[in-house]
Amino acid sequence: MPNFLLILAYLFSLGAPLKPEKTYPIGQIKTDKGDILFWLYDETPTHKASFIRLAKAGYWDTLTFNRVINNFVAQGGCPDTPAGFADSPYLLKPEFRPTIRHIYGAVGAGRDDNPEKLSAGCQFYIVQNKKGEHRLDDKFTVFGQVFKGMDAVDAIVAVKTDSTDTPLSPIKIDVNVLNLTATELKKLGYSAKE
């Protein structure tokens, strides 16, 4: 036991932290247009957990941004199948929050016209309209906010598309969750909310 106390005192004298710094899960979408980083809201726990689960499983890593509209959104994660929305692994109950709106860089969950406003577990979009898309508020769940990489989103929505807003050249996505400390986030220009 005395050896433990000596070691502890020595580590303390070196300034070694006694417990690791808290980390925050950050969404990351890697594309050939650049990387996109976004905060995941604690206020939408079901959508946050779903995003983390699918990202860790590599669910989206063979998919694309399949619908892009300049001054509107970049949408991705839809299974590239004729079933589309119906092929989502599951649906999520809406988590509308009056303090979380469809502003520039908002990350939301896609859905079809179902009356319960259930989100597709797999579909997400990023608001690219600089004025926001407030007509979507309380109709679609926003679960994140981009803090780095909107230049990549702007480049994505600027590509040539067909009549269904599908990019002529696929924009593949690699979706991950990074666990970053407040210090690491600050270096990226974001202050973590406690």
N, C-alpha and C. Protein backbone atom coordinates (compact mmCIF):
# COMPACT_ATOMS: atom_id res chain seq x y z
N MET A 1 0.81 -1.21 0.00
CA MET A 1 0.00 0.00 0.00
C MET A 1 0.85 1.27 0.00
N PRO A 2 1.93 1.34 0.81
CA PRO A 2 2.76 2.55 0.78
C PRO A 2 3.34 2.82 -0.61
N ASN A 3 3.69 1.74 -1.35
CA ASN A 3 4.21 1.94 -2.71
C ASN A 3 3.17 2.63 -3.60
N PHE A 4 1.92 2.24 -3.44
CA PHE A 4 0.84 2.87 -4.22
C PHE A 4 0.76 4.36 -3.93
N LEU A 5 0.87 4.73 -2.63
CA LEU A 5 0.79 6.14 -2.25
C LEU A 5 1.98 6.92 -2.79
N LEU A 6 3.17 6.28 -2.79
CA LEU A 6 4.35 6.93 -3.35
C LEU A 6 4.19 7.17 -4.85
N ILE A 7 3.68 6.17 -5.54
CA ILE A 7 3.45 6.30 -6.98
C ILE A 7 2.43 7.40 -7.25
N LEU A 8 1.35 7.40 -6.49
CA LEU A 8 0.30 8.40 -6.64
C LEU A 8 0.86 9.81 -6.40
N ALA A 9 1.66 9.97 -5.34
CA ALA A 9 2.27 11.26 -5.03
C ALA A 9 3.22 11.69 -6.15
N TYR A 10 3.98 10.74 -6.70
CA TYR A 10 4.89 11.04 -7.79
C TYR A 10 4.12 11.50 -9.02
N LEU A 11 3.07 10.78 -9.40
CA LEU A 11 2.26 11.16 -10.55
C LEU A 11 1.63 12.53 -10.36
N PHE A 12 1.16 12.78 -9.15
CA PHE A 12 0.55 14.08 -8.85
C PHE A 12 1.58 15.19 -9.00
N SER A 13 2.82 14.93 -8.57
CA SER A 13 3.88 15.95 -8.67
C SER A 13 4.22 16.25 -10.13
N LEU A 14 4.02 15.27 -10.99
CA LEU A 14 4.27 15.48 -12.42
C LEU A 14 3.13 16.22 -13.11
N GLY A 15 2.04 16.39 -12.39
CA GLY A 15 0.89 17.05 -12.98
C GLY A 15 0.03 16.09 -13.80
N ALA A 16 0.22 14.81 -13.60
CA ALA A 16 -0.57 13.82 -14.34
C ALA A 16 -2.02 13.87 -13.86
N PRO A 17 -2.95 13.91 -14.78
CA PRO A 17 -4.35 13.91 -14.36
C PRO A 17 -4.72 12.60 -13.69
N LEU A 18 -5.52 12.70 -12.64
CA LEU A 18 -5.92 11.50 -11.92
C LEU A 18 -7.08 10.79 -12.63
N LYS A 19 -7.84 11.54 -13.43
CA LYS A 19 -8.88 10.88 -14.22
C LYS A 19 -8.84 11.46 -15.62
N PRO A 20 -9.16 10.65 -16.61
CA PRO A 20 -9.07 11.13 -17.99
C PRO A 20 -10.07 12.26 -18.25
N GLU A 21 -9.71 13.14 -19.18
CA GLU A 21 -10.58 14.25 -19.55
C GLU A 21 -11.82 13.69 -20.26
N LYS A 22 -12.97 14.28 -19.97
CA LYS A 22 -14.24 13.86 -20.58
C LYS A 22 -14.17 14.02 -22.09
N THR A 23 -14.76 13.06 -22.79
CA THR A 23 -14.83 13.16 -24.24
C THR A 23 -16.29 13.28 -24.68
N TYR A 24 -16.46 13.81 -25.89
CA TYR A 24 -17.79 14.02 -26.46
C TYR A 24 -17.85 13.31 -27.81
N PRO A 25 -18.96 12.60 -28.10
CA PRO A 25 -19.08 11.96 -29.41
C PRO A 25 -19.40 13.00 -30.49
N ILE A 26 -18.59 13.01 -31.52
CA ILE A 26 -18.73 13.97 -32.62
C ILE A 26 -18.95 13.19 -33.92
N GLY A 27 -19.97 13.57 -34.67
CA GLY A 27 -20.21 12.95 -35.96
C GLY A 27 -19.18 13.41 -36.99
N GLN A 28 -18.71 12.48 -37.78
CA GLN A 28 -17.75 12.79 -38.84
C GLN A 28 -18.24 12.13 -40.13
N ILE A 29 -18.32 12.92 -41.20
CA ILE A 29 -18.63 12.38 -42.53
C ILE A 29 -17.46 12.74 -43.43
N LYS A 30 -16.76 11.73 -43.90
CA LYS A 30 -15.64 11.93 -44.81
C LYS A 30 -16.13 11.76 -46.24
N THR A 31 -15.79 12.74 -47.10
CA THR A 31 -16.15 12.67 -48.52
C THR A 31 -14.95 13.13 -49.34
N ASP A 32 -15.03 12.95 -50.64
CA ASP A 32 -13.94 13.44 -51.48
C ASP A 32 -14.00 14.97 -51.64
N LYS A 33 -15.04 15.61 -51.10
CA LYS A 33 -15.16 17.07 -51.11
C LYS A 33 -14.64 17.67 -49.80
N GLY A 34 -14.28 16.82 -48.85
CA GLY A 34 -13.80 17.27 -47.55
C GLY A 34 -14.52 16.58 -46.41
N ASP A 35 -14.05 16.82 -45.20
CA ASP A 35 -14.65 16.22 -44.00
C ASP A 35 -15.64 17.18 -43.36
N ILE A 36 -16.67 16.60 -42.76
CA ILE A 36 -17.72 17.35 -42.08
C ILE A 36 -17.75 16.85 -40.63
N LEU A 37 -17.69 17.78 -39.68
CA LEU A 37 -17.76 17.44 -38.27
C LEU A 37 -18.98 18.10 -37.66
N PHE A 38 -19.72 17.36 -36.82
CA PHE A 38 -20.89 17.97 -36.19
C PHE A 38 -21.13 17.46 -34.78
N TRP A 39 -21.66 18.39 -33.98
CA TRP A 39 -22.06 18.13 -32.60
C TRP A 39 -23.33 17.30 -32.62
N LEU A 40 -23.44 16.32 -31.72
CA LEU A 40 -24.65 15.51 -31.57
C LEU A 40 -25.37 15.97 -30.30
N TYR A 41 -26.63 16.36 -30.46
CA TYR A 41 -27.38 16.93 -29.33
C TYR A 41 -27.79 15.89 -28.30
N ASP A 42 -27.54 16.18 -27.03
CA ASP A 42 -28.05 15.35 -25.94
C ASP A 42 -29.57 15.44 -25.84
N GLU A 43 -30.13 16.56 -26.33
CA GLU A 43 -31.58 16.79 -26.24
C GLU A 43 -32.38 15.87 -27.15
N THR A 44 -31.72 15.18 -28.07
CA THR A 44 -32.39 14.21 -28.95
C THR A 44 -31.71 12.85 -28.76
N PRO A 45 -31.87 12.25 -27.59
CA PRO A 45 -31.08 11.06 -27.23
C PRO A 45 -31.31 9.85 -28.12
N THR A 46 -32.53 9.63 -28.60
CA THR A 46 -32.79 8.45 -29.43
C THR A 46 -32.10 8.59 -30.78
N HIS A 47 -32.20 9.76 -31.40
CA HIS A 47 -31.54 9.98 -32.69
C HIS A 47 -30.01 9.98 -32.54
N LYS A 48 -29.53 10.56 -31.45
CA LYS A 48 -28.08 10.56 -31.20
C LYS A 48 -27.57 9.13 -31.07
N ALA A 49 -28.24 8.33 -30.25
CA ALA A 49 -27.81 6.93 -30.04
C ALA A 49 -27.89 6.14 -31.34
N SER A 50 -28.92 6.39 -32.14
CA SER A 50 -29.07 5.69 -33.41
C SER A 50 -27.92 6.03 -34.35
N PHE A 51 -27.59 7.32 -34.44
CA PHE A 51 -26.49 7.73 -35.31
C PHE A 51 -25.18 7.06 -34.88
N ILE A 52 -24.91 7.10 -33.59
CA ILE A 52 -23.67 6.50 -33.07
C ILE A 52 -23.64 5.00 -33.37
N ARG A 53 -24.76 4.31 -33.13
CA ARG A 53 -24.82 2.86 -33.36
C ARG A 53 -24.55 2.52 -34.83
N LEU A 54 -25.22 3.21 -35.75
CA LEU A 54 -25.05 2.91 -37.18
C LEU A 54 -23.65 3.30 -37.67
N ALA A 55 -23.13 4.42 -37.18
CA ALA A 55 -21.78 4.83 -37.58
C ALA A 55 -20.74 3.80 -37.13
N LYS A 56 -20.85 3.37 -35.88
CA LYS A 56 -19.89 2.38 -35.37
C LYS A 56 -19.99 1.04 -36.10
N ALA A 57 -21.19 0.72 -36.60
CA ALA A 57 -21.40 -0.53 -37.34
C ALA A 57 -20.94 -0.42 -38.79
N GLY A 58 -20.56 0.78 -39.23
CA GLY A 58 -20.14 0.98 -40.62
C GLY A 58 -21.30 0.94 -41.60
N TYR A 59 -22.52 1.17 -41.11
CA TYR A 59 -23.73 1.05 -41.94
C TYR A 59 -23.66 1.90 -43.21
N TRP A 60 -23.20 3.14 -43.10
CA TRP A 60 -23.24 4.08 -44.23
C TRP A 60 -22.03 4.00 -45.14
N ASP A 61 -21.02 3.25 -44.79
CA ASP A 61 -19.74 3.35 -45.47
C ASP A 61 -19.72 2.83 -46.90
N THR A 62 -20.84 2.30 -47.39
CA THR A 62 -20.94 1.92 -48.81
C THR A 62 -21.98 2.79 -49.51
N LEU A 63 -22.52 3.80 -48.80
CA LEU A 63 -23.59 4.62 -49.34
C LEU A 63 -23.08 5.99 -49.78
N THR A 64 -24.00 6.88 -50.17
CA THR A 64 -23.63 8.16 -50.76
C THR A 64 -24.54 9.29 -50.25
N PHE A 65 -24.15 10.52 -50.61
CA PHE A 65 -25.10 11.64 -50.55
C PHE A 65 -25.95 11.46 -51.81
N ASN A 66 -27.16 10.95 -51.64
CA ASN A 66 -27.97 10.54 -52.78
C ASN A 66 -28.94 11.60 -53.28
N ARG A 67 -29.10 12.71 -52.54
CA ARG A 67 -30.00 13.78 -52.96
C ARG A 67 -29.38 15.09 -52.51
N VAL A 68 -29.01 15.94 -53.47
CA VAL A 68 -28.39 17.22 -53.13
C VAL A 68 -29.07 18.34 -53.89
N ILE A 69 -29.45 19.39 -53.16
CA ILE A 69 -30.15 20.52 -53.76
C ILE A 69 -29.52 21.81 -53.21
N ASN A 70 -28.94 22.59 -54.13
CA ASN A 70 -28.30 23.83 -53.73
C ASN A 70 -29.31 24.75 -53.06
N ASN A 71 -28.88 25.44 -52.01
CA ASN A 71 -29.73 26.32 -51.19
C ASN A 71 -30.84 25.56 -50.49
N PHE A 72 -30.65 24.26 -50.27
CA PHE A 72 -31.61 23.47 -49.51
C PHE A 72 -30.85 22.49 -48.61
N VAL A 73 -30.61 21.27 -49.07
CA VAL A 73 -29.94 20.27 -48.24
C VAL A 73 -29.06 19.34 -49.06
N ALA A 74 -28.14 18.70 -48.34
CA ALA A 74 -27.40 17.54 -48.84
C ALA A 74 -27.91 16.36 -48.02
N GLN A 75 -28.50 15.37 -48.67
CA GLN A 75 -29.09 14.23 -47.96
C GLN A 75 -28.36 12.96 -48.33
N GLY A 76 -28.13 12.13 -47.31
CA GLY A 76 -27.43 10.88 -47.54
C GLY A 76 -27.91 9.78 -46.63
N GLY A 77 -27.33 8.61 -46.82
CA GLY A 77 -27.63 7.49 -45.96
C GLY A 77 -28.76 6.61 -46.40
N CYS A 78 -29.46 7.00 -47.47
CA CYS A 78 -30.57 6.18 -47.96
C CYS A 78 -29.98 4.94 -48.61
N PRO A 79 -30.47 3.77 -48.25
CA PRO A 79 -29.98 2.58 -48.94
C PRO A 79 -30.22 2.71 -50.45
N ASP A 80 -29.21 2.43 -51.22
CA ASP A 80 -29.34 2.56 -52.67
C ASP A 80 -30.11 1.36 -53.23
N THR A 81 -31.38 1.30 -52.85
CA THR A 81 -32.25 0.21 -53.30
C THR A 81 -33.56 0.82 -53.77
N PRO A 82 -34.34 0.10 -54.57
CA PRO A 82 -35.64 0.62 -54.97
C PRO A 82 -36.55 0.90 -53.77
N ALA A 83 -36.34 0.17 -52.66
CA ALA A 83 -37.19 0.37 -51.49
C ALA A 83 -36.90 1.69 -50.79
N GLY A 84 -35.65 2.20 -50.93
CA GLY A 84 -35.31 3.50 -50.35
C GLY A 84 -35.67 3.60 -48.89
N PHE A 85 -36.56 4.53 -48.56
CA PHE A 85 -36.97 4.78 -47.17
C PHE A 85 -37.46 3.51 -46.51
N ALA A 86 -38.24 2.71 -47.24
CA ALA A 86 -38.81 1.49 -46.67
C ALA A 86 -37.73 0.49 -46.28
N ASP A 87 -36.52 0.67 -46.78
CA ASP A 87 -35.42 -0.24 -46.47
C ASP A 87 -34.60 0.21 -45.25
N SER A 88 -35.09 1.24 -44.54
CA SER A 88 -34.40 1.70 -43.33
C SER A 88 -34.39 0.57 -42.31
N PRO A 89 -33.31 0.42 -41.54
CA PRO A 89 -33.26 -0.68 -40.57
C PRO A 89 -34.33 -0.55 -39.49
N TYR A 90 -34.78 0.67 -39.21
CA TYR A 90 -35.83 0.91 -38.20
C TYR A 90 -36.28 2.36 -38.32
N LEU A 91 -37.39 2.67 -37.64
CA LEU A 91 -37.91 4.04 -37.60
C LEU A 91 -37.80 4.58 -36.18
N LEU A 92 -37.71 5.90 -36.06
CA LEU A 92 -37.54 6.56 -34.77
C LEU A 92 -38.66 7.55 -34.53
N LYS A 93 -39.15 7.60 -33.29
CA LYS A 93 -40.17 8.59 -32.94
C LYS A 93 -39.53 9.98 -32.99
N PRO A 94 -40.31 10.99 -33.40
CA PRO A 94 -39.75 12.35 -33.49
C PRO A 94 -39.29 12.88 -32.15
N GLU A 95 -38.27 13.72 -32.18
CA GLU A 95 -37.76 14.39 -30.99
C GLU A 95 -37.63 15.89 -31.32
N PHE A 96 -38.76 16.54 -31.50
CA PHE A 96 -38.76 17.96 -31.83
C PHE A 96 -38.43 18.77 -30.57
N ARG A 97 -37.56 19.75 -30.70
CA ARG A 97 -37.17 20.59 -29.58
C ARG A 97 -37.27 22.06 -30.01
N PRO A 98 -37.99 22.90 -29.26
CA PRO A 98 -38.16 24.30 -29.66
C PRO A 98 -36.85 25.09 -29.69
N THR A 99 -35.82 24.61 -29.00
CA THR A 99 -34.54 25.31 -28.99
C THR A 99 -33.58 24.82 -30.08
N ILE A 100 -33.98 23.80 -30.83
CA ILE A 100 -33.13 23.25 -31.89
C ILE A 100 -33.88 23.41 -33.21
N ARG A 101 -33.36 24.25 -34.08
CA ARG A 101 -34.03 24.63 -35.31
C ARG A 101 -33.22 24.25 -36.55
N HIS A 102 -33.87 24.35 -37.69
CA HIS A 102 -33.24 24.07 -38.98
C HIS A 102 -32.47 25.29 -39.46
N ILE A 103 -31.31 25.54 -38.84
CA ILE A 103 -30.44 26.64 -39.26
C ILE A 103 -29.37 26.08 -40.19
N TYR A 104 -28.59 26.96 -40.79
CA TYR A 104 -27.48 26.56 -41.66
C TYR A 104 -26.58 25.58 -40.92
N GLY A 105 -26.38 24.41 -41.48
CA GLY A 105 -25.53 23.40 -40.86
C GLY A 105 -26.25 22.43 -39.94
N ALA A 106 -27.58 22.60 -39.78
CA ALA A 106 -28.33 21.65 -38.95
C ALA A 106 -28.30 20.27 -39.59
N VAL A 107 -28.15 19.23 -38.75
CA VAL A 107 -28.16 17.84 -39.22
C VAL A 107 -29.48 17.23 -38.76
N GLY A 108 -30.29 16.79 -39.71
CA GLY A 108 -31.60 16.25 -39.39
C GLY A 108 -31.78 14.84 -39.91
N ALA A 109 -32.87 14.22 -39.46
CA ALA A 109 -33.21 12.86 -39.86
C ALA A 109 -34.28 12.89 -40.94
N GLY A 110 -34.02 12.19 -42.04
CA GLY A 110 -34.98 12.13 -43.14
C GLY A 110 -36.17 11.24 -42.79
N ARG A 111 -37.26 11.48 -43.51
CA ARG A 111 -38.46 10.65 -43.35
C ARG A 111 -39.33 10.79 -44.58
N ASP A 112 -40.34 9.93 -44.67
CA ASP A 112 -41.32 10.08 -45.74
C ASP A 112 -42.51 10.85 -45.18
N ASP A 113 -43.67 10.76 -45.82
CA ASP A 113 -44.84 11.53 -45.38
C ASP A 113 -45.69 10.80 -44.35
N ASN A 114 -45.12 9.92 -43.57
CA ASN A 114 -45.91 9.17 -42.59
C ASN A 114 -46.52 10.13 -41.56
N PRO A 115 -47.77 9.89 -41.16
CA PRO A 115 -48.47 10.82 -40.27
C PRO A 115 -47.86 10.96 -38.88
N GLU A 116 -47.13 9.95 -38.41
CA GLU A 116 -46.50 10.02 -37.09
C GLU A 116 -45.19 10.80 -37.11
N LYS A 117 -44.75 11.20 -38.32
CA LYS A 117 -43.48 11.92 -38.51
C LYS A 117 -42.29 11.12 -38.00
N LEU A 118 -42.36 9.80 -38.18
CA LEU A 118 -41.26 8.92 -37.78
C LEU A 118 -40.06 9.13 -38.70
N SER A 119 -38.88 9.19 -38.11
CA SER A 119 -37.64 9.34 -38.88
C SER A 119 -37.14 7.99 -39.35
N ALA A 120 -36.51 7.98 -40.53
CA ALA A 120 -35.80 6.79 -40.98
C ALA A 120 -34.50 6.72 -40.17
N GLY A 121 -34.20 5.59 -39.59
CA GLY A 121 -32.97 5.46 -38.82
C GLY A 121 -31.73 5.74 -39.64
N CYS A 122 -31.82 5.50 -40.95
CA CYS A 122 -30.62 5.57 -41.79
C CYS A 122 -30.42 6.90 -42.50
N GLN A 123 -31.47 7.69 -42.68
CA GLN A 123 -31.35 8.88 -43.52
C GLN A 123 -31.02 10.12 -42.70
N PHE A 124 -30.11 10.92 -43.21
CA PHE A 124 -29.78 12.19 -42.58
C PHE A 124 -29.58 13.24 -43.66
N TYR A 125 -29.71 14.49 -43.27
CA TYR A 125 -29.48 15.59 -44.20
C TYR A 125 -28.82 16.74 -43.45
N ILE A 126 -28.17 17.60 -44.22
CA ILE A 126 -27.52 18.78 -43.66
C ILE A 126 -28.11 20.00 -44.37
N VAL A 127 -28.65 20.94 -43.59
CA VAL A 127 -29.22 22.15 -44.16
C VAL A 127 -28.10 23.01 -44.73
N GLN A 128 -28.22 23.32 -46.03
CA GLN A 128 -27.19 24.11 -46.70
C GLN A 128 -27.65 25.53 -47.00
N ASN A 129 -28.94 25.81 -46.86
CA ASN A 129 -29.47 27.16 -47.08
C ASN A 129 -28.98 28.06 -45.94
N LYS A 130 -28.25 29.13 -46.28
CA LYS A 130 -27.69 30.00 -45.25
C LYS A 130 -28.76 30.68 -44.41
N LYS A 131 -29.97 30.80 -44.91
CA LYS A 131 -31.08 31.40 -44.15
C LYS A 131 -31.80 30.36 -43.30
N GLY A 132 -31.39 29.10 -43.42
CA GLY A 132 -32.06 28.02 -42.70
C GLY A 132 -33.25 27.50 -43.49
N GLU A 133 -33.89 26.48 -42.95
CA GLU A 133 -35.09 25.87 -43.56
C GLU A 133 -36.15 25.71 -42.47
N HIS A 134 -36.68 26.84 -42.01
CA HIS A 134 -37.58 26.82 -40.85
C HIS A 134 -38.93 26.19 -41.14
N ARG A 135 -39.26 26.00 -42.41
CA ARG A 135 -40.51 25.29 -42.73
C ARG A 135 -40.42 23.81 -42.32
N LEU A 136 -39.20 23.33 -42.06
CA LEU A 136 -39.01 21.94 -41.62
C LEU A 136 -39.06 21.80 -40.10
N ASP A 137 -39.02 22.94 -39.38
CA ASP A 137 -39.04 22.89 -37.90
C ASP A 137 -40.29 22.18 -37.42
N ASP A 138 -40.12 21.32 -36.42
CA ASP A 138 -41.21 20.55 -35.81
C ASP A 138 -41.92 19.62 -36.80
N LYS A 139 -41.25 19.33 -37.90
CA LYS A 139 -41.73 18.34 -38.86
C LYS A 139 -40.68 17.24 -39.06
N PHE A 140 -39.41 17.62 -38.91
CA PHE A 140 -38.27 16.71 -39.03
C PHE A 140 -37.38 16.94 -37.81
N THR A 141 -36.81 15.87 -37.27
CA THR A 141 -35.96 15.98 -36.09
C THR A 141 -34.55 16.42 -36.46
N VAL A 142 -34.09 17.49 -35.82
CA VAL A 142 -32.70 17.94 -35.93
C VAL A 142 -31.96 17.32 -34.75
N PHE A 143 -30.85 16.61 -35.04
CA PHE A 143 -30.11 15.95 -33.96
C PHE A 143 -28.65 16.34 -33.89
N GLY A 144 -28.23 17.27 -34.75
CA GLY A 144 -26.83 17.69 -34.73
C GLY A 144 -26.64 19.04 -35.39
N GLN A 145 -25.43 19.58 -35.26
CA GLN A 145 -25.08 20.87 -35.85
C GLN A 145 -23.63 20.83 -36.33
N VAL A 146 -23.44 21.09 -37.63
CA VAL A 146 -22.09 21.12 -38.22
C VAL A 146 -21.33 22.31 -37.62
N PHE A 147 -20.10 22.05 -37.18
CA PHE A 147 -19.24 23.14 -36.73
C PHE A 147 -17.96 23.24 -37.55
N LYS A 148 -17.71 22.27 -38.41
CA LYS A 148 -16.55 22.33 -39.31
C LYS A 148 -16.88 21.53 -40.57
N GLY A 149 -16.65 22.14 -41.73
CA GLY A 149 -16.85 21.41 -42.97
C GLY A 149 -18.03 21.87 -43.82
N MET A 150 -18.61 23.02 -43.51
CA MET A 150 -19.71 23.49 -44.35
C MET A 150 -19.22 23.83 -45.76
N ASP A 151 -17.93 24.12 -45.91
CA ASP A 151 -17.38 24.32 -47.25
C ASP A 151 -17.51 23.03 -48.07
N ALA A 152 -17.36 21.88 -47.42
CA ALA A 152 -17.55 20.59 -48.11
C ALA A 152 -19.02 20.41 -48.49
N VAL A 153 -19.94 20.77 -47.58
CA VAL A 153 -21.38 20.66 -47.88
C VAL A 153 -21.73 21.58 -49.05
N ASP A 154 -21.20 22.80 -49.04
CA ASP A 154 -21.45 23.73 -50.15
C ASP A 154 -20.96 23.14 -51.47
N ALA A 155 -19.81 22.48 -51.45
CA ALA A 155 -19.27 21.85 -52.66
C ALA A 155 -20.14 20.67 -53.10
N ILE A 156 -20.66 19.92 -52.14
CA ILE A 156 -21.50 18.76 -52.46
C ILE A 156 -22.78 19.18 -53.17
N VAL A 157 -23.45 20.22 -52.66
CA VAL A 157 -24.72 20.63 -53.28
C VAL A 157 -24.52 21.35 -54.61
N ALA A 158 -23.28 21.70 -54.94
CA ALA A 158 -22.99 22.40 -56.19
C ALA A 158 -22.71 21.45 -57.36
N VAL A 159 -22.67 20.14 -57.11
CA VAL A 159 -22.35 19.20 -58.20
C VAL A 159 -23.53 19.06 -59.16
N LYS A 160 -23.25 18.57 -60.35
CA LYS A 160 -24.31 18.34 -61.34
C LYS A 160 -25.13 17.13 -60.92
N THR A 161 -26.45 17.26 -61.09
CA THR A 161 -27.38 16.21 -60.69
C THR A 161 -28.33 15.87 -61.83
N ASP A 162 -29.04 14.74 -61.67
CA ASP A 162 -30.07 14.38 -62.64
C ASP A 162 -31.41 14.97 -62.19
N SER A 163 -32.48 14.56 -62.84
CA SER A 163 -33.81 15.12 -62.55
C SER A 163 -34.34 14.74 -61.17
N THR A 164 -33.71 13.76 -60.50
CA THR A 164 -34.14 13.37 -59.15
C THR A 164 -33.20 13.95 -58.08
N ASP A 165 -32.34 14.90 -58.47
CA ASP A 165 -31.38 15.55 -57.57
C ASP A 165 -30.29 14.60 -57.08
N THR A 166 -30.07 13.51 -57.83
CA THR A 166 -29.00 12.57 -57.53
C THR A 166 -27.73 13.02 -58.25
N PRO A 167 -26.60 13.15 -57.54
CA PRO A 167 -25.35 13.54 -58.21
C PRO A 167 -25.01 12.59 -59.36
N LEU A 168 -24.57 13.17 -60.49
CA LEU A 168 -24.19 12.35 -61.64
C LEU A 168 -22.97 11.50 -61.32
N SER A 169 -22.05 12.04 -60.52
CA SER A 169 -20.92 11.26 -60.01
C SER A 169 -21.17 11.03 -58.52
N PRO A 170 -21.29 9.76 -58.10
CA PRO A 170 -21.62 9.48 -56.70
C PRO A 170 -20.66 10.13 -55.71
N ILE A 171 -21.23 10.66 -54.63
CA ILE A 171 -20.43 11.25 -53.55
C ILE A 171 -20.48 10.27 -52.39
N LYS A 172 -19.46 9.41 -52.34
CA LYS A 172 -19.41 8.36 -51.31
C LYS A 172 -19.15 8.97 -49.95
N ILE A 173 -19.68 8.29 -48.92
CA ILE A 173 -19.51 8.77 -47.56
C ILE A 173 -18.87 7.70 -46.68
N ASP A 174 -18.09 8.17 -45.73
CA ASP A 174 -17.47 7.33 -44.70
C ASP A 174 -17.85 8.00 -43.39
N VAL A 175 -18.77 7.40 -42.65
CA VAL A 175 -19.34 8.02 -41.45
C VAL A 175 -18.74 7.39 -40.20
N ASN A 176 -18.30 8.25 -39.28
CA ASN A 176 -17.65 7.80 -38.06
C ASN A 176 -18.12 8.62 -36.87
N VAL A 177 -17.75 8.16 -35.69
CA VAL A 177 -17.93 8.93 -34.47
C VAL A 177 -16.56 9.10 -33.84
N LEU A 178 -16.16 10.35 -33.63
CA LEU A 178 -14.89 10.66 -32.98
C LEU A 178 -15.18 11.03 -31.53
N ASN A 179 -14.41 10.55 -30.60
CA ASN A 179 -14.55 10.93 -29.20
C ASN A 179 -13.47 11.96 -28.89
N LEU A 180 -13.89 13.23 -28.80
CA LEU A 180 -12.94 14.33 -28.64
C LEU A 180 -13.13 15.01 -27.29
N THR A 181 -12.02 15.49 -26.73
CA THR A 181 -12.07 16.24 -25.48
C THR A 181 -12.44 17.69 -25.78
N ALA A 182 -12.79 18.43 -24.73
CA ALA A 182 -13.10 19.85 -24.89
C ALA A 182 -11.90 20.59 -25.47
N THR A 183 -10.70 20.22 -25.06
CA THR A 183 -9.48 20.84 -25.58
C THR A 183 -9.33 20.59 -27.08
N GLU A 184 -9.56 19.35 -27.50
CA GLU A 184 -9.47 19.02 -28.93
C GLU A 184 -10.54 19.74 -29.73
N LEU A 185 -11.75 19.84 -29.16
CA LEU A 185 -12.84 20.55 -29.85
C LEU A 185 -12.52 22.03 -29.99
N LYS A 186 -11.94 22.62 -28.96
CA LYS A 186 -11.60 24.04 -29.00
C LYS A 186 -10.60 24.31 -30.11
N LYS A 187 -9.64 23.39 -30.31
CA LYS A 187 -8.66 23.54 -31.40
C LYS A 187 -9.34 23.52 -32.76
N LEU A 188 -10.51 22.85 -32.83
CA LEU A 188 -11.27 22.79 -34.08
C LEU A 188 -12.27 23.95 -34.18
N GLY A 189 -12.27 24.82 -33.18
CA GLY A 189 -13.15 25.99 -33.22
C GLY A 189 -14.50 25.79 -32.58
N TYR A 190 -14.64 24.76 -31.74
CA TYR A 190 -15.94 24.50 -31.11
C TYR A 190 -15.79 24.41 -29.60
N SER A 191 -16.70 25.04 -28.87
CA SER A 191 -16.70 24.95 -27.41
C SER A 191 -17.75 23.93 -26.99
N ALA A 192 -17.32 22.89 -26.32
CA ALA A 192 -18.23 21.82 -25.88
C ALA A 192 -19.19 22.37 -24.84
N LYS A 193 -20.46 21.96 -24.97
CA LYS A 193 -21.48 22.36 -24.01
C LYS A 193 -21.51 21.34 -22.89
N GLU A 194 -21.40 21.80 -21.68
CA GLU A 194 -21.44 20.87 -20.53
C GLU A 194 -22.87 20.55 -20.18
